[in-house]
Amino acid sequence: MKTLSVGELKTDFSAVLGFVRKGETIAISYGKNREKVAVIVPYDHYKPRTERQLGLLKGKARCVIKADFEVTDEELVSL
């Protein structure tokens, strides 16, 4: 895997895309310490998240919410 700084990526973007099209993975580094912050991968290596099937645990698990259960909108959002 090649590692390029942000500046090198900006300068040689078309060439970098050529390497990626050939199947190569490119790491992008940033800052004085050249910390790796991103990776460019060929699209066919990228796997988007699959949708989760609803009802997967139907009949296998249960949840009981008691009548006195209370939660504010802020508490719900912060979970």
C-alpha atoms as a PDB file:
ATOM      1  CA  MET A   1       0.000   0.000   0.000  1.00  0.00           C
ATOM      2  CA  LYS A   2       1.360   3.377  -0.988  1.00  0.00           C
ATOM      3  CA  THR A   3       1.174   6.294   1.442  1.00  0.00           C
ATOM      4  CA  LEU A   4       0.860   9.849   0.146  1.00  0.00           C
ATOM      5  CA  SER A   5       0.614  13.173   1.934  1.00  0.00           C
ATOM      6  CA  VAL A   6      -2.368  15.419   1.252  1.00  0.00           C
ATOM      7  CA  GLY A   7      -0.147  17.674  -0.869  1.00  0.00           C
ATOM      8  CA  GLU A   8       1.077  14.762  -2.989  1.00  0.00           C
ATOM      9  CA  LEU A   9      -2.506  13.603  -3.449  1.00  0.00           C
ATOM     10  CA  LYS A  10      -3.597  17.053  -4.600  1.00  0.00           C
ATOM     11  CA  THR A  11      -0.668  17.361  -7.013  1.00  0.00           C
ATOM     12  CA  ASP A  12      -0.986  13.881  -8.553  1.00  0.00           C
ATOM     13  CA  PHE A  13      -4.701  13.191  -8.163  1.00  0.00           C
ATOM     14  CA  SER A  14      -5.224  11.864 -11.695  1.00  0.00           C
ATOM     15  CA  ALA A  15      -2.230   9.528 -11.389  1.00  0.00           C
ATOM     16  CA  VAL A  16      -3.465   8.324  -7.984  1.00  0.00           C
ATOM     17  CA  LEU A  17      -6.851   7.494  -9.512  1.00  0.00           C
ATOM     18  CA  GLY A  18      -5.002   5.519 -12.172  1.00  0.00           C
ATOM     19  CA  PHE A  19      -3.310   3.403  -9.472  1.00  0.00           C
ATOM     20  CA  VAL A  20      -6.627   2.889  -7.700  1.00  0.00           C
ATOM     21  CA  ARG A  21      -8.309   1.829 -10.951  1.00  0.00           C
ATOM     22  CA  LYS A  22      -5.606  -0.852 -11.290  1.00  0.00           C
ATOM     23  CA  GLY A  23      -6.546  -2.226  -7.838  1.00  0.00           C
ATOM     24  CA  GLU A  24      -4.042  -0.470  -5.594  1.00  0.00           C
ATOM     25  CA  THR A  25      -4.968   0.908  -2.172  1.00  0.00           C
ATOM     26  CA  ILE A  26      -3.595   4.346  -1.230  1.00  0.00           C
ATOM     27  CA  ALA A  27      -3.224   5.642   2.341  1.00  0.00           C
ATOM     28  CA  ILE A  28      -3.415   9.410   2.902  1.00  0.00           C
ATOM     29  CA  SER A  29      -1.272  11.003   5.595  1.00  0.00           C
ATOM     30  CA  TYR A  30      -1.717  14.422   7.172  1.00  0.00           C
ATOM     31  CA  GLY A  31       0.300  16.849   9.260  1.00  0.00           C
ATOM     32  CA  LYS A  32       3.895  17.041  10.429  1.00  0.00           C
ATOM     33  CA  ASN A  33       3.733  13.531  11.891  1.00  0.00           C
ATOM     34  CA  ARG A  34       2.286  12.149   8.648  1.00  0.00           C
ATOM     35  CA  GLU A  35      -0.508  10.460  10.572  1.00  0.00           C
ATOM     36  CA  LYS A  36      -2.571   8.193   8.312  1.00  0.00           C
ATOM     37  CA  VAL A  37      -6.101   9.583   8.218  1.00  0.00           C
ATOM     38  CA  ALA A  38      -7.799   7.950   5.209  1.00  0.00           C
ATOM     39  CA  VAL A  39      -7.543   5.196   2.636  1.00  0.00           C
ATOM     40  CA  ILE A  40      -8.609   5.274  -1.000  1.00  0.00           C
ATOM     41  CA  VAL A  41      -9.670   1.835  -2.192  1.00  0.00           C
ATOM     42  CA  PRO A  42     -10.983   0.584  -5.534  1.00  0.00           C
ATOM     43  CA  TYR A  43     -14.768   0.743  -5.639  1.00  0.00           C
ATOM     44  CA  ASP A  44     -15.126  -3.018  -6.135  1.00  0.00           C
ATOM     45  CA  HIS A  45     -13.323  -3.548  -2.781  1.00  0.00           C
ATOM     46  CA  TYR A  46     -15.778  -1.251  -0.999  1.00  0.00           C
ATOM     47  CA  LYS A  47     -18.677  -3.047   0.600  1.00  0.00           C
ATOM     48  CA  PRO A  48     -21.527  -0.836   1.738  1.00  0.00           C
ATOM     49  CA  ARG A  49     -23.365  -1.866   4.850  1.00  0.00           C
ATOM     50  CA  THR A  50     -26.098  -4.344   4.189  1.00  0.00           C
ATOM     51  CA  GLU A  51     -29.546  -3.512   5.417  1.00  0.00           C
ATOM     52  CA  ARG A  52     -30.570  -5.261   8.588  1.00  0.00           C
ATOM     53  CA  GLN A  53     -33.532  -7.539   8.447  1.00  0.00           C
ATOM     54  CA  LEU A  54     -36.284  -6.443  10.798  1.00  0.00           C
ATOM     55  CA  GLY A  55     -37.800  -9.090  13.037  1.00  0.00           C
ATOM     56  CA  LEU A  56     -34.660 -11.209  13.096  1.00  0.00           C
ATOM     57  CA  LEU A  57     -35.175 -12.117  16.780  1.00  0.00           C
ATOM     58  CA  LYS A  58     -38.956 -12.523  16.570  1.00  0.00           C
ATOM     59  CA  GLY A  59     -39.925 -15.305  18.933  1.00  0.00           C
ATOM     60  CA  LYS A  60     -36.367 -15.524  20.330  1.00  0.00           C
ATOM     61  CA  ALA A  61     -36.232 -12.477  22.581  1.00  0.00           C
ATOM     62  CA  ARG A  62     -38.624 -10.251  24.445  1.00  0.00           C
ATOM     63  CA  CYS A  63     -38.701  -6.810  25.967  1.00  0.00           C
ATOM     64  CA  VAL A  64     -41.093  -5.541  28.600  1.00  0.00           C
ATOM     65  CA  ILE A  65     -41.572  -1.785  29.065  1.00  0.00           C
ATOM     66  CA  LYS A  66     -43.338  -1.050  32.319  1.00  0.00           C
ATOM     67  CA  ALA A  67     -46.146   1.500  32.535  1.00  0.00           C
ATOM     68  CA  ASP A  68     -44.121   3.811  34.810  1.00  0.00           C
ATOM     69  CA  PHE A  69     -41.202   4.059  32.363  1.00  0.00           C
ATOM     70  CA  GLU A  70     -40.303   7.667  31.561  1.00  0.00           C
ATOM     71  CA  VAL A  71     -37.544   9.195  29.460  1.00  0.00           C
ATOM     72  CA  THR A  72     -37.094  12.735  28.181  1.00  0.00           C
ATOM     73  CA  ASP A  73     -36.329  13.478  24.536  1.00  0.00           C
ATOM     74  CA  GLU A  74     -32.809  14.581  25.504  1.00  0.00           C
ATOM     75  CA  GLU A  75     -32.151  11.331  27.381  1.00  0.00           C
ATOM     76  CA  LEU A  76     -33.451   9.282  24.479  1.00  0.00           C
ATOM     77  CA  VAL A  77     -31.290  11.105  21.940  1.00  0.00           C
ATOM     78  CA  SER A  78     -28.138  10.819  24.094  1.00  0.00           C
ATOM     79  CA  LEU A  79     -28.394   7.033  24.299  1.00  0.00           C
END
